[in-house]
Amino acid sequence: MQFTSRFMWLQANAASVLLASVIPLVLAIGIAADTMDAADVETLLQRAADASVKGGESANLSDDASIKVLVKTNLSELGALDDLKAISKIEYGDTKDGRFFVRIQGVVDTRFMILVGISRMNVMAYSEMRKVGN
């Protein structure tokens, strides 16, 4: 009888240790999945920034509306608008050394990190190109 009760006690301890180790493992896998999703979106943002800086510079775009339309069109063609919660900022302009740049900042919702209090992640891409004729 004593052997049976000791065996049940060991089983209960093993179950609680297993449960205590599985929860952090699941959280770690979820955080890794959210980070990979954000990295994928950041890659799409980078591709859109590269295309926008090339298109904006070659078309000699300088007004705010046309640059933002170009960026959003590139993001849409790449499918990044589906993954982004919002585009928080689009910046463009000329650097001091004569380069044209585009910076895109966006927000991505998390699926697993929300369990530890992180509901959104910021992603950013930056691209610049020497102006033609410089």
Protein backbone atom coordinates (compact mmCIF):
# COMPACT_ATOMS: atom_id res chain seq x y z
CA MET A 1 0.00 0.00 0.00
CA GLN A 2 2.82 2.37 0.85
CA PHE A 3 4.52 1.71 -2.51
CA THR A 4 1.34 2.63 -4.40
CA SER A 5 0.88 5.94 -2.57
CA ARG A 6 4.56 6.84 -3.13
CA PHE A 7 4.24 6.03 -6.84
CA MET A 8 1.15 8.26 -7.12
CA TRP A 9 3.03 11.06 -5.37
CA LEU A 10 5.88 10.73 -7.88
CA GLN A 11 3.40 10.77 -10.75
CA ALA A 12 1.82 13.98 -9.46
CA ASN A 13 5.24 15.61 -9.12
CA ALA A 14 6.24 14.54 -12.62
CA ALA A 15 3.01 15.95 -14.05
CA SER A 16 3.46 19.30 -12.31
CA VAL A 17 7.11 19.56 -13.41
CA LEU A 18 6.11 18.68 -16.98
CA LEU A 19 3.35 21.28 -16.96
CA ALA A 20 5.68 23.92 -15.49
CA SER A 21 8.24 23.26 -18.23
CA VAL A 22 5.78 23.07 -21.14
CA ILE A 23 4.24 26.52 -20.57
CA PRO A 24 7.52 28.47 -21.02
CA LEU A 25 8.39 26.28 -24.01
CA VAL A 26 5.08 27.07 -25.73
CA LEU A 27 5.57 30.79 -24.97
CA ALA A 28 9.10 30.69 -26.40
CA ILE A 29 7.90 29.02 -29.58
CA GLY A 30 5.09 31.58 -29.88
CA ILE A 31 7.45 34.49 -29.39
CA ALA A 32 9.76 33.04 -32.03
CA ALA A 33 6.81 32.71 -34.44
CA ASP A 34 5.79 36.34 -33.85
CA THR A 35 9.37 37.51 -34.35
CA MET A 36 9.66 35.55 -37.60
CA ASP A 37 6.37 37.03 -38.83
CA ALA A 38 7.62 40.54 -38.04
CA ALA A 39 10.90 39.80 -39.84
CA ASP A 40 8.96 38.63 -42.91
CA VAL A 41 6.92 41.85 -42.91
CA GLU A 42 10.10 43.88 -42.45
CA THR A 43 11.57 42.15 -45.51
CA LEU A 44 8.50 43.14 -47.54
CA LEU A 45 8.82 46.70 -46.23
CA GLN A 46 12.46 46.73 -47.28
CA ARG A 47 11.58 45.53 -50.77
CA ALA A 48 8.89 48.23 -51.00
CA ALA A 49 11.31 50.90 -49.76
CA ASP A 50 13.92 49.83 -52.32
CA ALA A 51 11.36 49.91 -55.14
CA SER A 52 9.94 53.23 -53.93
CA VAL A 53 13.30 54.95 -53.70
CA LYS A 54 14.22 53.77 -57.18
CA GLY A 55 10.82 54.68 -58.63
CA GLY A 56 10.60 57.99 -56.78
CA GLU A 57 14.07 59.08 -57.80
CA SER A 58 13.81 57.98 -61.42
CA ALA A 59 10.37 59.60 -61.85
CA ASN A 60 11.68 62.68 -60.02
CA LEU A 61 8.75 62.63 -57.59
CA SER A 62 8.88 65.27 -54.92
CA ASP A 63 5.36 65.87 -53.63
CA ASP A 64 4.05 64.14 -50.53
CA ALA A 65 1.00 62.52 -52.12
CA SER A 66 2.80 60.91 -55.06
CA ILE A 67 5.55 59.39 -52.86
CA LYS A 68 2.99 57.97 -50.42
CA VAL A 69 0.90 56.56 -53.28
CA LEU A 70 4.05 54.98 -54.74
CA VAL A 71 4.99 53.42 -51.37
CA LYS A 72 1.46 52.11 -50.75
CA THR A 73 1.27 50.73 -54.29
CA ASN A 74 4.56 48.89 -53.80
CA LEU A 75 3.40 47.56 -50.42
CA SER A 76 0.13 46.41 -51.96
CA GLU A 77 1.84 44.65 -54.87
CA LEU A 78 4.09 42.79 -52.43
CA GLY A 79 1.16 41.80 -50.21
CA ALA A 80 2.54 43.60 -47.17
CA LEU A 81 -0.65 45.57 -46.50
CA ASP A 82 -2.39 42.34 -45.46
CA ASP A 83 0.19 41.70 -42.73
CA LEU A 84 0.55 45.27 -41.48
CA LYS A 85 -1.82 46.62 -38.85
CA ALA A 86 -0.91 50.16 -39.86
CA ILE A 87 1.69 52.22 -41.67
CA SER A 88 2.79 54.59 -38.95
CA LYS A 89 5.14 56.81 -40.95
CA ILE A 90 6.44 57.32 -44.47
CA GLU A 91 9.40 59.68 -44.73
CA TYR A 92 11.33 60.66 -47.82
CA GLY A 93 13.69 63.34 -48.95
CA ASP A 94 17.24 64.18 -49.82
CA THR A 95 20.24 63.52 -47.64
CA LYS A 96 23.05 66.04 -47.22
CA ASP A 97 25.29 64.10 -49.59
CA GLY A 98 22.79 64.15 -52.48
CA ARG A 99 20.95 60.88 -52.03
CA PHE A 100 17.21 60.29 -52.16
CA PHE A 101 15.82 58.20 -49.27
CA VAL A 102 12.58 56.52 -48.24
CA ARG A 103 11.85 55.29 -44.71
CA ILE A 104 8.74 53.24 -43.95
CA GLN A 105 7.60 52.45 -40.42
CA GLY A 106 4.75 50.08 -39.69
CA VAL A 107 3.02 48.15 -36.94
CA VAL A 108 2.40 44.39 -36.84
CA ASP A 109 -0.04 42.66 -34.48
CA THR A 110 1.29 39.77 -32.43
CA ARG A 111 -0.49 36.50 -31.81
CA PHE A 112 1.49 34.94 -28.98
CA MET A 113 3.41 37.81 -27.43
CA ILE A 114 0.10 39.23 -26.27
CA LEU A 115 0.27 36.58 -23.54
CA VAL A 116 3.23 38.46 -22.03
CA GLY A 117 1.74 41.90 -22.66
CA ILE A 118 3.13 42.78 -26.10
CA SER A 119 0.29 43.27 -28.54
CA ARG A 120 2.13 45.06 -31.37
CA MET A 121 5.61 45.21 -32.83
CA ASN A 122 7.14 48.07 -34.79
CA VAL A 123 8.88 47.31 -38.07
CA MET A 124 10.97 49.67 -40.19
CA ALA A 125 12.73 49.78 -43.54
CA TYR A 126 15.10 52.36 -44.98
CA SER A 127 16.52 52.71 -48.45
CA GLU A 128 18.52 55.38 -50.21
CA MET A 129 19.89 55.89 -53.68
CA ARG A 130 22.33 58.30 -55.25
CA LYS A 131 20.50 60.75 -57.44
CA VAL A 132 20.98 60.46 -61.17
CA GLY A 133 23.46 63.10 -62.25
CA ASN A 134 25.29 63.21 -58.88
